C-alpha atoms as a PDB file:
ATOM      1  CA  UNK A   1      58.290 -17.366  27.708  1.00  0.00           C
ATOM      2  CA  UNK A   2      57.189 -13.829  27.004  1.00  0.00           C
ATOM      3  CA  UNK A   3      56.501 -11.577  29.989  1.00  0.00           C
ATOM      4  CA  UNK A   4      54.043  -9.243  28.282  1.00  0.00           C
ATOM      5  CA  UNK A   5      51.911 -10.147  25.295  1.00  0.00           C
ATOM      6  CA  UNK A   6      49.605  -7.704  23.550  1.00  0.00           C
ATOM      7  CA  UNK A   7      47.159  -8.889  20.900  1.00  0.00           C
ATOM      8  CA  UNK A   8      46.168  -5.875  18.832  1.00  0.00           C
ATOM      9  CA  UNK A   9      44.478  -4.661  15.691  1.00  0.00           C
ATOM     10  CA  UNK A  10      46.446  -2.885  12.971  1.00  0.00           C
ATOM     11  CA  UNK A  11      45.614  -1.794   9.467  1.00  0.00           C
ATOM     12  CA  UNK A  12      48.469  -3.807   7.925  1.00  0.00           C
ATOM     13  CA  UNK A  13      51.860  -5.446   8.556  1.00  0.00           C
ATOM     14  CA  UNK A  14      53.744  -2.173   8.152  1.00  0.00           C
ATOM     15  CA  UNK A  15      51.619  -0.484  10.822  1.00  0.00           C
ATOM     16  CA  UNK A  16      52.024  -3.504  13.110  1.00  0.00           C
ATOM     17  CA  UNK A  17      55.815  -3.553  12.561  1.00  0.00           C
ATOM     18  CA  UNK A  18      56.033   0.078  13.654  1.00  0.00           C
ATOM     19  CA  UNK A  19      54.969  -1.030  17.177  1.00  0.00           C
ATOM     20  CA  UNK A  20      58.148  -3.065  17.636  1.00  0.00           C
ATOM     21  CA  UNK A  21      60.145  -0.634  19.792  1.00  0.00           C
ATOM     22  CA  UNK A  22      57.506   0.513  22.261  1.00  0.00           C
ATOM     23  CA  UNK A  23      54.609  -1.874  21.796  1.00  0.00           C
ATOM     24  CA  UNK A  24      51.130  -0.999  20.642  1.00  0.00           C
ATOM     25  CA  UNK A  25      50.079   2.338  22.063  1.00  0.00           C
ATOM     26  CA  UNK A  26      46.627   3.156  23.342  1.00  0.00           C
ATOM     27  CA  UNK A  27      45.787   4.137  19.763  1.00  0.00           C
ATOM     28  CA  UNK A  28      45.517   0.408  18.991  1.00  0.00           C
ATOM     29  CA  UNK A  29      42.605  -1.655  20.235  1.00  0.00           C
ATOM     30  CA  UNK A  30      44.299  -4.414  22.226  1.00  0.00           C
ATOM     31  CA  UNK A  31      44.221  -7.212  24.817  1.00  0.00           C
ATOM     32  CA  UNK A  32      47.126  -7.796  27.210  1.00  0.00           C
ATOM     33  CA  UNK A  33      48.136 -11.038  28.899  1.00  0.00           C
ATOM     34  CA  UNK A  34      51.264 -12.332  30.587  1.00  0.00           C
ATOM     35  CA  UNK A  35      53.647 -15.279  30.702  1.00  0.00           C
ATOM     36  CA  UNK A  36      52.568 -17.304  27.679  1.00  0.00           C
ATOM     37  CA  UNK A  37      54.304 -18.143  24.428  1.00  0.00           C
ATOM     38  CA  UNK A  38      52.309 -16.248  21.811  1.00  0.00           C
ATOM     39  CA  UNK A  39      53.480 -18.336  18.858  1.00  0.00           C
ATOM     40  CA  UNK A  40      52.480 -21.658  20.420  1.00  0.00           C
ATOM     41  CA  UNK A  41      49.184 -20.174  21.670  1.00  0.00           C
ATOM     42  CA  UNK A  42      48.364 -18.909  18.172  1.00  0.00           C
ATOM     43  CA  UNK A  43      49.288 -22.286  16.644  1.00  0.00           C
ATOM     44  CA  UNK A  44      47.164 -24.138  19.207  1.00  0.00           C
ATOM     45  CA  UNK A  45      44.160 -21.904  18.566  1.00  0.00           C
ATOM     46  CA  UNK A  46      44.526 -22.386  14.818  1.00  0.00           C
ATOM     47  CA  UNK A  47      44.848 -26.153  15.295  1.00  0.00           C
ATOM     48  CA  UNK A  48      41.673 -26.189  17.383  1.00  0.00           C
ATOM     49  CA  UNK A  49      39.562 -24.445  14.757  1.00  0.00           C
ATOM     50  CA  UNK A  50      40.925 -26.583  11.922  1.00  0.00           C
ATOM     51  CA  UNK A  51      40.454 -29.876  13.818  1.00  0.00           C
ATOM     52  CA  UNK A  52      38.268 -29.276  16.903  1.00  0.00           C
ATOM     53  CA  UNK A  53      39.038 -31.504  19.865  1.00  0.00           C
ATOM     54  CA  UNK A  54      38.788 -31.153  23.621  1.00  0.00           C
ATOM     55  CA  UNK A  55      42.139 -32.927  23.930  1.00  0.00           C
ATOM     56  CA  UNK A  56      45.214 -30.738  24.303  1.00  0.00           C
ATOM     57  CA  UNK A  57      47.800 -31.394  21.581  1.00  0.00           C
ATOM     58  CA  UNK A  58      51.137 -32.937  22.437  1.00  0.00           C
ATOM     59  CA  UNK A  59      54.163 -30.693  22.044  1.00  0.00           C
ATOM     60  CA  UNK A  60      55.167 -32.699  18.969  1.00  0.00           C
ATOM     61  CA  UNK A  61      51.757 -32.085  17.358  1.00  0.00           C
ATOM     62  CA  UNK A  62      51.849 -28.431  18.276  1.00  0.00           C
ATOM     63  CA  UNK A  63      55.345 -27.767  16.919  1.00  0.00           C
ATOM     64  CA  UNK A  64      54.559 -29.670  13.710  1.00  0.00           C
ATOM     65  CA  UNK A  65      51.492 -27.481  13.045  1.00  0.00           C
ATOM     66  CA  UNK A  66      51.522 -25.398   9.860  1.00  0.00           C
ATOM     67  CA  UNK A  67      51.227 -22.629   9.136  1.00  0.00           C
ATOM     68  CA  UNK A  68      53.132 -21.387  12.158  1.00  0.00           C
ATOM     69  CA  UNK A  69      52.482 -17.695  12.960  1.00  0.00           C
ATOM     70  CA  UNK A  70      54.568 -15.416  10.759  1.00  0.00           C
ATOM     71  CA  UNK A  71      56.870 -12.749  12.104  1.00  0.00           C
ATOM     72  CA  UNK A  72      56.140  -9.195  11.095  1.00  0.00           C
ATOM     73  CA  UNK A  73      59.329  -8.280  12.956  1.00  0.00           C
ATOM     74  CA  UNK A  74      61.610 -11.103  14.062  1.00  0.00           C
ATOM     75  CA  UNK A  75      62.975 -11.120  17.598  1.00  0.00           C
ATOM     76  CA  UNK A  76      66.373  -9.519  18.049  1.00  0.00           C
ATOM     77  CA  UNK A  77      68.605  -9.639  21.114  1.00  0.00           C
ATOM     78  CA  UNK A  78      65.929  -7.828  23.133  1.00  0.00           C
ATOM     79  CA  UNK A  79      63.400 -10.635  22.562  1.00  0.00           C
ATOM     80  CA  UNK A  80      60.678  -8.331  21.214  1.00  0.00           C
ATOM     81  CA  UNK A  81      58.679  -9.791  18.338  1.00  0.00           C
ATOM     82  CA  UNK A  82      55.550  -8.956  16.377  1.00  0.00           C
ATOM     83  CA  UNK A  83      53.554 -11.828  14.896  1.00  0.00           C
ATOM     84  CA  UNK A  84      50.649 -11.814  12.456  1.00  0.00           C
ATOM     85  CA  UNK A  85      47.816 -14.177  13.291  1.00  0.00           C
ATOM     86  CA  UNK A  86      46.813 -16.273  10.267  1.00  0.00           C
ATOM     87  CA  UNK A  87      43.821 -14.848   8.420  1.00  0.00           C
ATOM     88  CA  UNK A  88      41.907 -18.131   8.748  1.00  0.00           C
ATOM     89  CA  UNK A  89      42.400 -18.061  12.515  1.00  0.00           C
ATOM     90  CA  UNK A  90      41.271 -14.443  12.686  1.00  0.00           C
ATOM     91  CA  UNK A  91      38.107 -15.386  10.785  1.00  0.00           C
ATOM     92  CA  UNK A  92      37.512 -18.442  12.996  1.00  0.00           C
ATOM     93  CA  UNK A  93      38.005 -16.508  16.234  1.00  0.00           C
ATOM     94  CA  UNK A  94      35.714 -13.754  15.005  1.00  0.00           C
ATOM     95  CA  UNK A  95      32.930 -16.281  14.356  1.00  0.00           C
ATOM     96  CA  UNK A  96      33.587 -18.530  17.380  1.00  0.00           C
ATOM     97  CA  UNK A  97      30.706 -19.436  19.647  1.00  0.00           C
ATOM     98  CA  UNK A  98      30.874 -19.075  23.425  1.00  0.00           C
ATOM     99  CA  UNK A  99      30.994 -22.882  23.694  1.00  0.00           C
ATOM    100  CA  UNK A 100      33.942 -23.129  21.294  1.00  0.00           C
ATOM    101  CA  UNK A 101      35.878 -20.477  23.213  1.00  0.00           C
ATOM    102  CA  UNK A 102      35.160 -22.255  26.506  1.00  0.00           C
ATOM    103  CA  UNK A 103      36.326 -25.611  25.135  1.00  0.00           C
ATOM    104  CA  UNK A 104      39.457 -24.043  23.647  1.00  0.00           C
ATOM    105  CA  UNK A 105      40.241 -22.194  26.904  1.00  0.00           C
ATOM    106  CA  UNK A 106      39.916 -25.441  28.882  1.00  0.00           C
ATOM    107  CA  UNK A 107      42.170 -27.267  26.445  1.00  0.00           C
ATOM    108  CA  UNK A 108      44.725 -24.430  26.395  1.00  0.00           C
ATOM    109  CA  UNK A 109      44.742 -24.229  30.206  1.00  0.00           C
ATOM    110  CA  UNK A 110      45.281 -27.999  30.443  1.00  0.00           C
ATOM    111  CA  UNK A 111      48.270 -27.851  28.098  1.00  0.00           C
ATOM    112  CA  UNK A 112      49.853 -24.876  29.847  1.00  0.00           C
ATOM    113  CA  UNK A 113      49.336 -26.412  33.278  1.00  0.00           C
ATOM    114  CA  UNK A 114      50.978 -29.663  32.134  1.00  0.00           C
ATOM    115  CA  UNK A 115      53.983 -27.703  30.813  1.00  0.00           C
ATOM    116  CA  UNK A 116      54.304 -24.903  33.371  1.00  0.00           C
ATOM    117  CA  UNK A 117      52.627 -26.233  36.523  1.00  0.00           C
ATOM    118  CA  UNK A 118      52.401 -23.567  39.203  1.00  0.00           C
ATOM    119  CA  UNK A 119      54.411 -21.151  37.048  1.00  0.00           C
ATOM    120  CA  UNK A 120      51.469 -20.879  34.662  1.00  0.00           C
ATOM    121  CA  UNK A 121      50.066 -17.457  33.869  1.00  0.00           C
ATOM    122  CA  UNK A 122      47.613 -15.937  36.340  1.00  0.00           C
ATOM    123  CA  UNK A 123      45.486 -14.551  33.491  1.00  0.00           C
ATOM    124  CA  UNK A 124      41.979 -15.929  33.014  1.00  0.00           C
ATOM    125  CA  UNK A 125      42.564 -17.633  29.674  1.00  0.00           C
ATOM    126  CA  UNK A 126      38.864 -17.738  28.802  1.00  0.00           C
ATOM    127  CA  UNK A 127      38.662 -13.965  29.193  1.00  0.00           C
ATOM    128  CA  UNK A 128      41.817 -13.571  27.081  1.00  0.00           C
ATOM    129  CA  UNK A 129      40.274 -15.711  24.320  1.00  0.00           C
ATOM    130  CA  UNK A 130      36.953 -13.886  24.496  1.00  0.00           C
ATOM    131  CA  UNK A 131      38.720 -10.537  24.206  1.00  0.00           C
ATOM    132  CA  UNK A 132      40.936 -11.716  21.346  1.00  0.00           C
ATOM    133  CA  UNK A 133      37.838 -13.102  19.593  1.00  0.00           C
ATOM    134  CA  UNK A 134      36.226  -9.664  19.937  1.00  0.00           C
ATOM    135  CA  UNK A 135      39.321  -8.136  18.282  1.00  0.00           C
ATOM    136  CA  UNK A 136      39.153 -10.774  15.536  1.00  0.00           C
ATOM    137  CA  UNK A 137      35.525  -9.897  14.803  1.00  0.00           C
ATOM    138  CA  UNK A 138      36.526  -6.241  14.609  1.00  0.00           C
ATOM    139  CA  UNK A 139      39.408  -7.090  12.237  1.00  0.00           C
ATOM    140  CA  UNK A 140      36.950  -8.840   9.924  1.00  0.00           C
ATOM    141  CA  UNK A 141      34.711  -5.769   9.913  1.00  0.00           C
ATOM    142  CA  UNK A 142      37.497  -3.235   9.313  1.00  0.00           C
ATOM    143  CA  UNK A 143      39.663  -5.223   6.915  1.00  0.00           C
ATOM    144  CA  UNK A 144      42.687  -4.923   9.195  1.00  0.00           C
ATOM    145  CA  UNK A 145      44.756  -7.658  10.743  1.00  0.00           C
ATOM    146  CA  UNK A 146      45.218  -9.199  14.170  1.00  0.00           C
ATOM    147  CA  UNK A 147      48.745  -9.170  15.588  1.00  0.00           C
ATOM    148  CA  UNK A 148      50.709 -10.108  18.679  1.00  0.00           C
ATOM    149  CA  UNK A 149      53.485  -8.008  20.221  1.00  0.00           C
ATOM    150  CA  UNK A 150      55.545  -9.647  22.941  1.00  0.00           C
ATOM    151  CA  UNK A 151      58.501  -9.025  25.166  1.00  0.00           C
END
């Protein structure tokens, strides 16, 4: 489980990869959250928009989902990784309604609580999704991409 996760906007993969050592600086528009697995969160969000359901996916369904988020920089011994959110997910998040984000946040919270119990993140997952959706809308307007940096 990653301690710090930063969803951020970057012009392209090369720019996003350059954040690997120190994370996205304040020059990047970003959203920070803690103690989640960014790759499974991204896959779950993508799954939701492709096949909307209030039911949380099983771990088997989640890990079988394709496409899985792609590494811009793979994790090394330090555990730092940069992932690119799929373009279709970025578009879907950018166009998501408040109701869709609320349903997804409830579903995501249910899955995390079933896996992590009391060790679940303290972040308000609806606020995280709303902020990431705002970044996604901005990515659509600027032509850039949406990325995740985690440690």
